[in-house]
Amino acid sequence: MTDYFKEISYLMIETNSSCNLACPSCNRERLKELGMREDKYLTLDEFKKNISLFHECPLEIVKLEGISEPMLHPEFHFMAEELKRAFPKAFVIVATNCQYNLKRTSFLKTIPFTDMFYLSIDGTEEIFEKTRAGSSWKKLLQFLKDLEENVSEQDRSSKMHINFTATLKNYLELPKIYKMAEDYGLAGVRINLAQDWNHDRPNPNSFPQEMIEYLKAYKKDIKGSSPWKYDQCFWPNNGAVIDVFGNLRQCIINTSQEPLMNINDKSLSTYYNESEHYKITRKNLRENQPGEDCINCDYFHLEPVLKEIFENEPSPNQPRKFKRFETD
C-alpha cells in the first residue's frame, strides 16, 4: 500500500481561531454561523503534540496560520520557535493583518523563526478599510512605521511581503501598493486573484476584460498556476490542513468542508492513507475529474483568467510537483 502520509510536504496548521477583522473576502464569519469557529487558543503542549504527528513527513512548506489572526495568540512566537526546531528545513510562512501594535505582540519575536510574512494589505485609505472590514488605515501606517523602526533592513527586504487580494473594487490601487513596499523597504508585492474558500459554492468575484488587461502589467507578481488541471492538484497527495480544533480538511481552499476526521480521535496517517474519501478523491483527480468536494475549486476556475493575464504563456508559478502514484 502506498504511504501517502510520508509524502506530505506542505502543511497548513493553526494556533488560534480568533480574528480582529471581518474581511469580505474571508469566509470566517460564515464558518462562525455554521458553528465551526468558536474561540480557541492552543497551548504550547497541544501545538507540540499536533506537529509531532508529522515527524516522519518531509515538510518543505508550513503555513503557520489559518482563518484567524495568529498574532492574537500571546505565545505565538514560542510555537514558531518549536516548529522551526522540529522542522529546521521547512520554509515557514505567516500571514498577518497588521492591525495591532507589533511591539505588544509576538510579531518581533517570531521573525527569527519565520521565512516569509504575508502583510495583508488590499488597498489604501478608505479602500483598505472597506476590503478589511474593521480595520484602520491609521493603525496600518503605525504598524509600517514600527516595522521600519524595529525590524532590520535585511529582514524587511527579504521576509516582509505585501499580500494583495485583487478584486474589481481595489485592483487600481496597485501602483500605491508598490510605492508602499518601496517606501518601507519591503521584499515585494504578491498578488492573488480573489478566491472563495467555500467548497459548496462558486466564486462570486468577476474579473472583466478591463481588469485582466490592467493586471498584465503586474503578471510577474501574480500568484496562481496556468495551465492547471485537476490531475495537477497536490493536496490529497502531499498536503494537509489542520485547524486549531484538530480537524483535518482536504485543502487550503476547502475550509467550509465538514471535517474529514479529528487528529485527537483517530490516526491521521491511517486516515490519510486508507480512508475511502482520500482513495476516491485521488482516483478522481488522477482521471482529471473534480469530484463532489472539488467541483468549485478556484485553482481550476481561475485558471482561464490567469491564462489571459499571462497571455497564454506558462505562469511564473508552476503547479507544485508531487510524487505520482497510479493506484493506491
C-alpha atoms as a PDB file:
ATOM      1  CA  MET A   1       0.000   0.000   0.000  1.00  0.00           C
ATOM      2  CA  THR A   2       1.253   3.471  -0.902  1.00  0.00           C
ATOM      3  CA  ASP A   3       2.261   5.536   2.120  1.00  0.00           C
ATOM      4  CA  TYR A   4       0.918   8.923   1.062  1.00  0.00           C
ATOM      5  CA  PHE A   5       1.261  10.277   4.569  1.00  0.00           C
ATOM      6  CA  LYS A   6       5.047  10.053   4.458  1.00  0.00           C
ATOM      7  CA  GLU A   7       4.961  12.138   1.268  1.00  0.00           C
ATOM      8  CA  ILE A   8       3.315  15.169   2.930  1.00  0.00           C
ATOM      9  CA  SER A   9       5.488  18.181   2.173  1.00  0.00           C
ATOM     10  CA  TYR A  10       3.011  21.056   2.595  1.00  0.00           C
ATOM     11  CA  LEU A  11       1.216  21.722   5.872  1.00  0.00           C
ATOM     12  CA  MET A  12      -1.138  24.479   6.965  1.00  0.00           C
ATOM     13  CA  ILE A  13      -1.636  24.391  10.726  1.00  0.00           C
ATOM     14  CA  GLU A  14      -3.451  26.791  13.030  1.00  0.00           C
ATOM     15  CA  THR A  15      -2.679  28.021  16.556  1.00  0.00           C
ATOM     16  CA  ASN A  16      -5.834  30.002  17.363  1.00  0.00           C
ATOM     17  CA  SER A  17      -9.276  30.693  15.935  1.00  0.00           C
ATOM     18  CA  SER A  18      -9.642  34.382  16.809  1.00  0.00           C
ATOM     19  CA  CYS A  19      -9.507  37.370  14.480  1.00  0.00           C
ATOM     20  CA  ASN A  20      -9.921  41.106  14.954  1.00  0.00           C
ATOM     21  CA  LEU A  21     -11.383  41.739  11.476  1.00  0.00           C
ATOM     22  CA  ALA A  22     -14.279  40.502   9.337  1.00  0.00           C
ATOM     23  CA  CYS A  23     -12.898  40.735   5.809  1.00  0.00           C
ATOM     24  CA  PRO A  24     -15.463  40.277   2.994  1.00  0.00           C
ATOM     25  CA  SER A  25     -13.030  38.026   1.096  1.00  0.00           C
ATOM     26  CA  CYS A  26     -12.755  35.629   4.058  1.00  0.00           C
ATOM     27  CA  ASN A  27     -15.393  33.027   4.924  1.00  0.00           C
ATOM     28  CA  ARG A  28     -14.642  33.087   8.653  1.00  0.00           C
ATOM     29  CA  GLU A  29     -17.956  34.786   9.520  1.00  0.00           C
ATOM     30  CA  ARG A  30     -19.861  32.116   7.609  1.00  0.00           C
ATOM     31  CA  LEU A  31     -17.964  29.397   9.450  1.00  0.00           C
ATOM     32  CA  LYS A  32     -18.884  31.057  12.740  1.00  0.00           C
ATOM     33  CA  GLU A  33     -22.547  30.897  11.714  1.00  0.00           C
ATOM     34  CA  LEU A  34     -22.087  27.203  10.942  1.00  0.00           C
ATOM     35  CA  GLY A  35     -20.617  26.645  14.411  1.00  0.00           C
ATOM     36  CA  MET A  36     -17.118  25.900  13.139  1.00  0.00           C
ATOM     37  CA  ARG A  37     -15.146  28.810  14.609  1.00  0.00           C
ATOM     38  CA  GLU A  38     -15.672  29.165  18.356  1.00  0.00           C
ATOM     39  CA  ASP A  39     -12.763  30.770  20.199  1.00  0.00           C
ATOM     40  CA  LYS A  40      -9.811  28.508  20.918  1.00  0.00           C
ATOM     41  CA  TYR A  41      -6.123  29.049  21.636  1.00  0.00           C
ATOM     42  CA  LEU A  42      -3.777  26.080  21.593  1.00  0.00           C
ATOM     43  CA  THR A  43      -1.385  25.636  24.481  1.00  0.00           C
ATOM     44  CA  LEU A  44       2.247  25.131  23.561  1.00  0.00           C
ATOM     45  CA  ASP A  45       1.998  21.480  24.607  1.00  0.00           C
ATOM     46  CA  GLU A  46      -1.052  20.965  22.382  1.00  0.00           C
ATOM     47  CA  PHE A  47       0.781  22.536  19.470  1.00  0.00           C
ATOM     48  CA  LYS A  48       3.841  20.342  20.051  1.00  0.00           C
ATOM     49  CA  LYS A  49       1.602  17.282  20.063  1.00  0.00           C
ATOM     50  CA  ASN A  50      -0.051  18.316  16.787  1.00  0.00           C
ATOM     51  CA  ILE A  51       3.156  18.934  14.868  1.00  0.00           C
ATOM     52  CA  SER A  52       4.770  15.790  16.275  1.00  0.00           C
ATOM     53  CA  LEU A  53       2.325  13.778  14.156  1.00  0.00           C
ATOM     54  CA  PHE A  54       4.270  14.902  11.089  1.00  0.00           C
ATOM     55  CA  HIS A  55       7.739  13.970  12.345  1.00  0.00           C
ATOM     56  CA  GLU A  56       8.223  11.427   9.539  1.00  0.00           C
ATOM     57  CA  CYS A  57       6.973  13.789   6.833  1.00  0.00           C
ATOM     58  CA  PRO A  58       9.406  15.679   4.563  1.00  0.00           C
ATOM     59  CA  LEU A  59       7.818  19.056   5.238  1.00  0.00           C
ATOM     60  CA  GLU A  60       9.061  21.723   2.837  1.00  0.00           C
ATOM     61  CA  ILE A  61       6.493  24.472   3.442  1.00  0.00           C
ATOM     62  CA  VAL A  62       4.485  25.149   6.588  1.00  0.00           C
ATOM     63  CA  LYS A  63       1.888  27.889   6.747  1.00  0.00           C
ATOM     64  CA  LEU A  64       1.585  28.678  10.432  1.00  0.00           C
ATOM     65  CA  GLU A  65      -1.806  30.297  10.070  1.00  0.00           C
ATOM     66  CA  GLY A  66      -5.437  29.628   9.320  1.00  0.00           C
ATOM     67  CA  ILE A  67      -8.689  31.566   9.220  1.00  0.00           C
ATOM     68  CA  SER A  68      -7.526  33.728  12.093  1.00  0.00           C
ATOM     69  CA  GLU A  69      -5.003  36.386  13.113  1.00  0.00           C
ATOM     70  CA  PRO A  70      -2.020  34.476  14.512  1.00  0.00           C
ATOM     71  CA  MET A  71      -0.580  37.460  16.371  1.00  0.00           C
ATOM     72  CA  LEU A  72      -3.579  37.452  18.700  1.00  0.00           C
ATOM     73  CA  HIS A  73      -2.060  34.367  20.297  1.00  0.00           C
ATOM     74  CA  PRO A  74       0.180  35.614  23.129  1.00  0.00           C
ATOM     75  CA  GLU A  75       2.542  32.630  22.793  1.00  0.00           C
ATOM     76  CA  PHE A  76       2.721  32.516  19.019  1.00  0.00           C
ATOM     77  CA  HIS A  77       6.487  33.093  18.940  1.00  0.00           C
ATOM     78  CA  PHE A  78       7.051  30.034  21.130  1.00  0.00           C
ATOM     79  CA  MET A  79       5.066  27.954  18.647  1.00  0.00           C
ATOM     80  CA  ALA A  80       7.013  29.317  15.696  1.00  0.00           C
ATOM     81  CA  GLU A  81      10.246  28.504  17.520  1.00  0.00           C
ATOM     82  CA  GLU A  82       9.070  24.967  18.278  1.00  0.00           C
ATOM     83  CA  LEU A  83       8.011  24.445  14.671  1.00  0.00           C
ATOM     84  CA  LYS A  84      11.395  25.563  13.364  1.00  0.00           C
ATOM     85  CA  ARG A  85      13.171  23.372  15.903  1.00  0.00           C
ATOM     86  CA  ALA A  86      11.139  20.332  14.866  1.00  0.00           C
ATOM     87  CA  PHE A  87      11.397  21.030  11.118  1.00  0.00           C
ATOM     88  CA  PRO A  88      14.517  23.145  10.566  1.00  0.00           C
ATOM     89  CA  LYS A  89      14.440  22.681   6.781  1.00  0.00           C
ATOM     90  CA  ALA A  90      10.811  23.781   6.374  1.00  0.00           C
ATOM     91  CA  PHE A  91      10.046  27.185   4.855  1.00  0.00           C
ATOM     92  CA  VAL A  92       7.700  28.816   7.379  1.00  0.00           C
ATOM     93  CA  ILE A  93       5.092  31.353   6.235  1.00  0.00           C
ATOM     94  CA  VAL A  94       2.904  33.540   8.455  1.00  0.00           C
ATOM     95  CA  ALA A  95       0.100  35.829   7.238  1.00  0.00           C
ATOM     96  CA  THR A  96      -0.954  38.804   9.340  1.00  0.00           C
ATOM     97  CA  ASN A  97      -3.405  41.698   9.016  1.00  0.00           C
ATOM     98  CA  CYS A  98      -1.114  44.312  10.637  1.00  0.00           C
ATOM     99  CA  GLN A  99      -3.950  45.645  12.797  1.00  0.00           C
ATOM    100  CA  TYR A 100      -2.195  45.694  16.151  1.00  0.00           C
ATOM    101  CA  ASN A 101       0.773  47.193  17.956  1.00  0.00           C
ATOM    102  CA  LEU A 102       3.593  44.935  16.814  1.00  0.00           C
ATOM    103  CA  LYS A 103       5.667  45.833  19.874  1.00  0.00           C
ATOM    104  CA  ARG A 104       2.987  44.355  22.149  1.00  0.00           C
ATOM    105  CA  THR A 105       2.537  41.063  20.307  1.00  0.00           C
ATOM    106  CA  SER A 106       4.681  38.099  19.303  1.00  0.00           C
ATOM    107  CA  PHE A 107       5.500  39.640  15.922  1.00  0.00           C
ATOM    108  CA  LEU A 108       9.075  40.774  16.563  1.00  0.00           C
ATOM    109  CA  LYS A 109       9.964  37.619  18.492  1.00  0.00           C
ATOM    110  CA  THR A 110       8.580  35.466  15.675  1.00  0.00           C
ATOM    111  CA  ILE A 111      10.812  36.913  12.945  1.00  0.00           C
ATOM    112  CA  PRO A 112      13.856  34.663  13.609  1.00  0.00           C
ATOM    113  CA  PHE A 113      11.714  31.545  13.146  1.00  0.00           C
ATOM    114  CA  THR A 114       9.791  32.666  10.054  1.00  0.00           C
ATOM    115  CA  ASP A 115      10.984  32.739   6.446  1.00  0.00           C
ATOM    116  CA  MET A 116       8.198  34.842   4.953  1.00  0.00           C
ATOM    117  CA  PHE A 117       5.489  37.140   6.269  1.00  0.00           C
ATOM    118  CA  TYR A 118       2.408  37.984   4.233  1.00  0.00           C
ATOM    119  CA  LEU A 119       1.346  41.508   5.214  1.00  0.00           C
ATOM    120  CA  SER A 120      -2.302  41.533   4.128  1.00  0.00           C
ATOM    121  CA  ILE A 121      -2.880  44.952   2.551  1.00  0.00           C
ATOM    122  CA  ASP A 122      -5.582  45.229  -0.111  1.00  0.00           C
ATOM    123  CA  GLY A 123      -5.577  48.955  -0.780  1.00  0.00           C
ATOM    124  CA  THR A 124      -5.058  52.353   0.776  1.00  0.00           C
ATOM    125  CA  GLU A 125      -7.125  54.638   2.992  1.00  0.00           C
ATOM    126  CA  GLU A 126     -10.886  54.139   2.504  1.00  0.00           C
ATOM    127  CA  ILE A 127     -10.497  51.185   0.141  1.00  0.00           C
ATOM    128  CA  PHE A 128      -8.199  49.453   2.626  1.00  0.00           C
ATOM    129  CA  GLU A 129     -10.769  49.863   5.392  1.00  0.00           C
ATOM    130  CA  LYS A 130     -13.596  48.561   3.191  1.00  0.00           C
ATOM    131  CA  THR A 131     -11.716  45.496   1.969  1.00  0.00           C
ATOM    132  CA  ARG A 132     -10.543  44.709   5.515  1.00  0.00           C
ATOM    133  CA  ALA A 133     -13.752  45.307   7.481  1.00  0.00           C
ATOM    134  CA  GLY A 134     -12.983  46.543  10.980  1.00  0.00           C
ATOM    135  CA  SER A 135      -9.510  47.734  10.031  1.00  0.00           C
ATOM    136  CA  SER A 136      -7.959  51.171  10.454  1.00  0.00           C
ATOM    137  CA  TRP A 137      -5.737  52.861   7.886  1.00  0.00           C
ATOM    138  CA  LYS A 138      -4.148  54.816  10.718  1.00  0.00           C
ATOM    139  CA  LYS A 139      -3.268  51.556  12.507  1.00  0.00           C
ATOM    140  CA  LEU A 140      -1.694  50.185   9.351  1.00  0.00           C
ATOM    141  CA  LEU A 141       0.506  53.252   8.909  1.00  0.00           C
ATOM    142  CA  GLN A 142       1.624  52.962  12.532  1.00  0.00           C
ATOM    143  CA  PHE A 143       2.382  49.267  12.014  1.00  0.00           C
ATOM    144  CA  LEU A 144       4.535  50.051   8.983  1.00  0.00           C
ATOM    145  CA  LYS A 145       6.325  52.836  10.842  1.00  0.00           C
ATOM    146  CA  ASP A 146       7.044  50.489  13.753  1.00  0.00           C
ATOM    147  CA  LEU A 147       8.168  47.835  11.288  1.00  0.00           C
ATOM    148  CA  GLU A 148      10.658  50.241   9.754  1.00  0.00           C
ATOM    149  CA  GLU A 149      11.982  51.290  13.163  1.00  0.00           C
ATOM    150  CA  ASN A 150      12.161  47.869  14.837  1.00  0.00           C
ATOM    151  CA  VAL A 151      12.940  45.373  12.075  1.00  0.00           C
ATOM    152  CA  SER A 152      16.286  45.270  10.316  1.00  0.00           C
ATOM    153  CA  GLU A 153      16.562  46.318   6.701  1.00  0.00           C
ATOM    154  CA  GLN A 154      17.735  42.797   5.893  1.00  0.00           C
ATOM    155  CA  ASP A 155      14.634  41.155   7.384  1.00  0.00           C
ATOM    156  CA  ARG A 156      12.261  43.691   5.843  1.00  0.00           C
ATOM    157  CA  SER A 157      13.766  43.314   2.377  1.00  0.00           C
ATOM    158  CA  SER A 158      13.849  39.516   2.473  1.00  0.00           C
ATOM    159  CA  LYS A 159      10.933  38.362   4.637  1.00  0.00           C
ATOM    160  CA  MET A 160       8.191  41.020   4.539  1.00  0.00           C
ATOM    161  CA  HIS A 161       5.877  40.828   1.508  1.00  0.00           C
ATOM    162  CA  ILE A 162       2.660  42.740   0.923  1.00  0.00           C
ATOM    163  CA  ASN A 163      -0.032  40.194   0.083  1.00  0.00           C
ATOM    164  CA  PHE A 164      -2.691  41.835  -2.107  1.00  0.00           C
ATOM    165  CA  THR A 165      -6.019  40.159  -2.887  1.00  0.00           C
ATOM    166  CA  ALA A 166      -7.202  41.605  -6.196  1.00  0.00           C
ATOM    167  CA  THR A 167     -10.892  42.294  -6.740  1.00  0.00           C
ATOM    168  CA  LEU A 168     -12.889  44.507  -9.063  1.00  0.00           C
ATOM    169  CA  LYS A 169     -13.095  47.070  -6.248  1.00  0.00           C
ATOM    170  CA  ASN A 170      -9.400  47.503  -5.488  1.00  0.00           C
ATOM    171  CA  TYR A 171      -7.128  46.474  -8.374  1.00  0.00           C
ATOM    172  CA  LEU A 172      -6.481  50.104  -9.381  1.00  0.00           C
ATOM    173  CA  GLU A 173      -4.744  50.548  -6.023  1.00  0.00           C
ATOM    174  CA  LEU A 174      -1.742  48.526  -7.142  1.00  0.00           C
ATOM    175  CA  PRO A 175       0.562  51.479  -8.002  1.00  0.00           C
ATOM    176  CA  LYS A 176       0.084  52.790  -4.451  1.00  0.00           C
ATOM    177  CA  ILE A 177       0.742  49.338  -3.023  1.00  0.00           C
ATOM    178  CA  TYR A 178       4.030  49.065  -4.887  1.00  0.00           C
ATOM    179  CA  LYS A 179       5.056  52.513  -3.681  1.00  0.00           C
ATOM    180  CA  MET A 180       4.266  51.448  -0.117  1.00  0.00           C
ATOM    181  CA  ALA A 181       6.501  48.395  -0.472  1.00  0.00           C
ATOM    182  CA  GLU A 182       9.306  50.590  -1.785  1.00  0.00           C
ATOM    183  CA  ASP A 183       8.865  53.306   0.862  1.00  0.00           C
ATOM    184  CA  TYR A 184       9.146  50.832   3.741  1.00  0.00           C
ATOM    185  CA  GLY A 185      11.875  48.682   2.232  1.00  0.00           C
ATOM    186  CA  LEU A 186       9.744  45.553   1.899  1.00  0.00           C
ATOM    187  CA  ALA A 187      10.603  42.465  -0.129  1.00  0.00           C
ATOM    188  CA  GLY A 188       7.867  42.978  -2.690  1.00  0.00           C
ATOM    189  CA  VAL A 189       4.208  42.503  -3.566  1.00  0.00           C
ATOM    190  CA  ARG A 190       2.346  39.231  -4.042  1.00  0.00           C
ATOM    191  CA  ILE A 191      -0.933  39.477  -5.958  1.00  0.00           C
ATOM    192  CA  ASN A 192      -3.681  36.874  -5.653  1.00  0.00           C
ATOM    193  CA  LEU A 193      -6.949  36.868  -7.558  1.00  0.00           C
ATOM    194  CA  ALA A 194      -9.758  36.772  -5.003  1.00  0.00           C
ATOM    195  CA  GLN A 195     -10.835  33.221  -4.224  1.00  0.00           C
ATOM    196  CA  ASP A 196     -13.837  31.772  -2.434  1.00  0.00           C
ATOM    197  CA  TRP A 197     -12.834  29.319   0.284  1.00  0.00           C
ATOM    198  CA  ASN A 198     -16.293  27.737   0.497  1.00  0.00           C
ATOM    199  CA  HIS A 199     -16.305  24.350  -1.203  1.00  0.00           C
ATOM    200  CA  ASP A 200     -20.071  24.367  -1.728  1.00  0.00           C
ATOM    201  CA  ARG A 201     -20.456  27.471  -3.881  1.00  0.00           C
ATOM    202  CA  PRO A 202     -18.750  29.095  -6.883  1.00  0.00           C
ATOM    203  CA  ASN A 203     -16.529  32.152  -6.600  1.00  0.00           C
ATOM    204  CA  PRO A 204     -18.765  35.266  -6.676  1.00  0.00           C
ATOM    205  CA  ASN A 205     -15.955  37.554  -7.885  1.00  0.00           C
ATOM    206  CA  SER A 206     -15.825  38.667 -11.500  1.00  0.00           C
ATOM    207  CA  PHE A 207     -12.731  39.585 -13.495  1.00  0.00           C
ATOM    208  CA  PRO A 208     -13.819  41.670 -16.513  1.00  0.00           C
ATOM    209  CA  GLN A 209     -11.584  42.212 -19.511  1.00  0.00           C
ATOM    210  CA  GLU A 210     -10.603  45.715 -18.424  1.00  0.00           C
ATOM    211  CA  MET A 211      -9.262  44.337 -15.144  1.00  0.00           C
ATOM    212  CA  ILE A 212      -7.449  41.491 -16.897  1.00  0.00           C
ATOM    213  CA  GLU A 213      -5.715  43.914 -19.263  1.00  0.00           C
ATOM    214  CA  TYR A 214      -4.663  46.111 -16.354  1.00  0.00           C
ATOM    215  CA  LEU A 215      -3.216  43.200 -14.394  1.00  0.00           C
ATOM    216  CA  LYS A 216      -1.000  42.098 -17.280  1.00  0.00           C
ATOM    217  CA  ALA A 217       1.492  44.794 -16.275  1.00  0.00           C
ATOM    218  CA  TYR A 218       1.872  43.034 -12.897  1.00  0.00           C
ATOM    219  CA  LYS A 219       1.906  39.431 -14.077  1.00  0.00           C
ATOM    220  CA  LYS A 220       5.367  38.664 -12.668  1.00  0.00           C
ATOM    221  CA  ASP A 221       3.931  39.076  -9.161  1.00  0.00           C
ATOM    222  CA  ILE A 222       0.558  37.392  -9.715  1.00  0.00           C
ATOM    223  CA  LYS A 223       0.307  34.045  -7.953  1.00  0.00           C
ATOM    224  CA  GLY A 224      -1.539  31.080  -9.358  1.00  0.00           C
ATOM    225  CA  SER A 225      -0.802  28.391 -11.901  1.00  0.00           C
ATOM    226  CA  SER A 226      -1.643  28.279 -15.580  1.00  0.00           C
ATOM    227  CA  PRO A 227      -2.004  25.883 -17.242  1.00  0.00           C
ATOM    228  CA  TRP A 228      -3.598  23.834 -14.473  1.00  0.00           C
ATOM    229  CA  LYS A 229      -5.835  20.759 -14.483  1.00  0.00           C
ATOM    230  CA  TYR A 230      -7.318  18.673 -11.699  1.00  0.00           C
ATOM    231  CA  ASP A 231      -4.722  15.961 -12.135  1.00  0.00           C
ATOM    232  CA  GLN A 232      -2.081  18.508 -11.091  1.00  0.00           C
ATOM    233  CA  CYS A 233      -3.575  19.010  -7.622  1.00  0.00           C
ATOM    234  CA  PHE A 234      -1.036  18.049  -4.975  1.00  0.00           C
ATOM    235  CA  TRP A 235      -3.251  18.435  -1.906  1.00  0.00           C
ATOM    236  CA  PRO A 236      -4.609  14.878  -1.479  1.00  0.00           C
ATOM    237  CA  ASN A 237      -1.153  13.503  -2.282  1.00  0.00           C
ATOM    238  CA  ASN A 238       1.241  15.847  -0.479  1.00  0.00           C
ATOM    239  CA  GLY A 239      -0.725  18.369   1.597  1.00  0.00           C
ATOM    240  CA  ALA A 240      -2.704  18.669   4.822  1.00  0.00           C
ATOM    241  CA  VAL A 241      -4.700  21.374   6.593  1.00  0.00           C
ATOM    242  CA  ILE A 242      -5.186  21.110  10.360  1.00  0.00           C
ATOM    243  CA  ASP A 243      -7.289  23.725  12.131  1.00  0.00           C
ATOM    244  CA  VAL A 244      -6.983  24.798  15.758  1.00  0.00           C
ATOM    245  CA  PHE A 245      -9.526  22.168  16.825  1.00  0.00           C
ATOM    246  CA  GLY A 246      -7.510  19.328  15.292  1.00  0.00           C
ATOM    247  CA  ASN A 247      -9.802  18.892  12.301  1.00  0.00           C
ATOM    248  CA  LEU A 248      -8.335  17.690   9.014  1.00  0.00           C
ATOM    249  CA  ARG A 249      -9.529  19.192   5.760  1.00  0.00           C
ATOM    250  CA  GLN A 250      -8.602  18.311   2.240  1.00  0.00           C
ATOM    251  CA  CYS A 251      -7.039  21.568   1.090  1.00  0.00           C
ATOM    252  CA  ILE A 252      -6.408  25.210   1.809  1.00  0.00           C
ATOM    253  CA  ILE A 253      -9.401  26.500  -0.174  1.00  0.00           C
ATOM    254  CA  ASN A 254     -11.895  23.954   1.116  1.00  0.00           C
ATOM    255  CA  THR A 255     -12.429  25.362   4.587  1.00  0.00           C
ATOM    256  CA  SER A 256     -16.218  25.039   4.723  1.00  0.00           C
ATOM    257  CA  GLN A 257     -15.948  21.290   4.181  1.00  0.00           C
ATOM    258  CA  GLU A 258     -17.149  19.160   7.064  1.00  0.00           C
ATOM    259  CA  PRO A 259     -14.038  17.933   8.889  1.00  0.00           C
ATOM    260  CA  LEU A 260     -12.761  14.685   7.423  1.00  0.00           C
ATOM    261  CA  MET A 261     -11.524  13.498  10.815  1.00  0.00           C
ATOM    262  CA  ASN A 262     -10.006  14.825  14.023  1.00  0.00           C
ATOM    263  CA  ILE A 263      -6.396  14.104  14.888  1.00  0.00           C
ATOM    264  CA  ASN A 264      -7.314  13.810  18.571  1.00  0.00           C
ATOM    265  CA  ASP A 265      -9.717  10.934  17.882  1.00  0.00           C
ATOM    266  CA  LYS A 266      -8.168   8.851  15.098  1.00  0.00           C
ATOM    267  CA  SER A 267      -4.859   8.018  13.481  1.00  0.00           C
ATOM    268  CA  LEU A 268      -4.055  10.763  10.990  1.00  0.00           C
ATOM    269  CA  SER A 269      -1.644   8.633   8.973  1.00  0.00           C
ATOM    270  CA  THR A 270      -4.114   5.747   8.708  1.00  0.00           C
ATOM    271  CA  TYR A 271      -6.923   8.028   7.581  1.00  0.00           C
ATOM    272  CA  TYR A 272      -4.735   9.868   5.074  1.00  0.00           C
ATOM    273  CA  ASN A 273      -3.549   6.586   3.561  1.00  0.00           C
ATOM    274  CA  GLU A 274      -6.579   4.318   3.801  1.00  0.00           C
ATOM    275  CA  SER A 275      -9.846   6.281   4.013  1.00  0.00           C
ATOM    276  CA  GLU A 276     -12.400   5.936   1.247  1.00  0.00           C
ATOM    277  CA  HIS A 277     -12.560   9.719   0.995  1.00  0.00           C
ATOM    278  CA  TYR A 278      -8.911  10.050   0.035  1.00  0.00           C
ATOM    279  CA  LYS A 279      -8.966   6.977  -2.202  1.00  0.00           C
ATOM    280  CA  ILE A 280     -11.939   8.319  -4.172  1.00  0.00           C
ATOM    281  CA  THR A 281     -10.545  11.855  -4.315  1.00  0.00           C
ATOM    282  CA  ARG A 282      -7.161  10.697  -5.593  1.00  0.00           C
ATOM    283  CA  LYS A 283      -8.773   8.456  -8.198  1.00  0.00           C
ATOM    284  CA  ASN A 284     -10.997  11.293  -9.449  1.00  0.00           C
ATOM    285  CA  LEU A 285      -8.107  13.721  -9.685  1.00  0.00           C
ATOM    286  CA  ARG A 286      -5.867  11.204 -11.446  1.00  0.00           C
ATOM    287  CA  GLU A 287      -8.627  10.972 -14.050  1.00  0.00           C
ATOM    288  CA  ASN A 288      -8.797  14.781 -14.206  1.00  0.00           C
ATOM    289  CA  GLN A 289     -12.263  14.823 -12.628  1.00  0.00           C
ATOM    290  CA  PRO A 290     -13.194  17.142  -9.753  1.00  0.00           C
ATOM    291  CA  GLY A 291     -15.404  15.003  -7.569  1.00  0.00           C
ATOM    292  CA  GLU A 292     -18.017  16.440  -5.224  1.00  0.00           C
ATOM    293  CA  ASP A 293     -15.671  18.359  -2.917  1.00  0.00           C
ATOM    294  CA  CYS A 294     -13.599  19.866  -5.728  1.00  0.00           C
ATOM    295  CA  ILE A 295     -16.231  20.946  -8.226  1.00  0.00           C
ATOM    296  CA  ASN A 296     -15.984  24.632  -7.236  1.00  0.00           C
ATOM    297  CA  CYS A 297     -12.189  24.644  -6.918  1.00  0.00           C
ATOM    298  CA  ASP A 298     -10.676  28.048  -7.663  1.00  0.00           C
ATOM    299  CA  TYR A 299      -7.378  26.557  -8.778  1.00  0.00           C
ATOM    300  CA  PHE A 300      -9.440  25.308 -11.727  1.00  0.00           C
ATOM    301  CA  HIS A 301     -11.984  28.101 -12.190  1.00  0.00           C
ATOM    302  CA  LEU A 302      -9.444  30.948 -12.010  1.00  0.00           C
ATOM    303  CA  GLU A 303      -7.091  29.244 -14.472  1.00  0.00           C
ATOM    304  CA  PRO A 304      -8.715  30.771 -17.608  1.00  0.00           C
ATOM    305  CA  VAL A 305      -8.380  34.255 -16.077  1.00  0.00           C
ATOM    306  CA  LEU A 306      -4.740  33.621 -15.236  1.00  0.00           C
ATOM    307  CA  LYS A 307      -4.166  32.262 -18.729  1.00  0.00           C
ATOM    308  CA  GLU A 308      -5.311  35.581 -20.193  1.00  0.00           C
ATOM    309  CA  ILE A 309      -3.233  37.623 -17.756  1.00  0.00           C
ATOM    310  CA  PHE A 310      -0.142  35.551 -18.558  1.00  0.00           C
ATOM    311  CA  GLU A 311      -1.008  35.894 -22.267  1.00  0.00           C
ATOM    312  CA  ASN A 312      -1.035  32.141 -22.887  1.00  0.00           C
ATOM    313  CA  GLU A 313       2.490  31.743 -21.566  1.00  0.00           C
ATOM    314  CA  PRO A 314       3.221  29.389 -18.654  1.00  0.00           C
ATOM    315  CA  SER A 315       2.831  31.218 -15.364  1.00  0.00           C
ATOM    316  CA  PRO A 316       5.893  32.034 -13.246  1.00  0.00           C
ATOM    317  CA  ASN A 317       4.281  29.844 -10.576  1.00  0.00           C
ATOM    318  CA  GLN A 318       4.232  26.294 -11.836  1.00  0.00           C
ATOM    319  CA  PRO A 319       1.986  23.702 -10.146  1.00  0.00           C
ATOM    320  CA  ARG A 320       3.639  22.160  -7.123  1.00  0.00           C
ATOM    321  CA  LYS A 321       5.375  18.910  -8.026  1.00  0.00           C
ATOM    322  CA  PHE A 322       4.424  15.762  -6.156  1.00  0.00           C
ATOM    323  CA  LYS A 323       5.206  12.083  -6.288  1.00  0.00           C
ATOM    324  CA  ARG A 324       2.596  10.487  -8.503  1.00  0.00           C
ATOM    325  CA  PHE A 325       1.170   7.038  -7.884  1.00  0.00           C
ATOM    326  CA  GLU A 326      -1.045   5.386 -10.472  1.00  0.00           C
ATOM    327  CA  THR A 327      -3.026   3.462  -7.865  1.00  0.00           C
ATOM    328  CA  ASP A 328      -3.360   3.240  -4.108  1.00  0.00           C
END
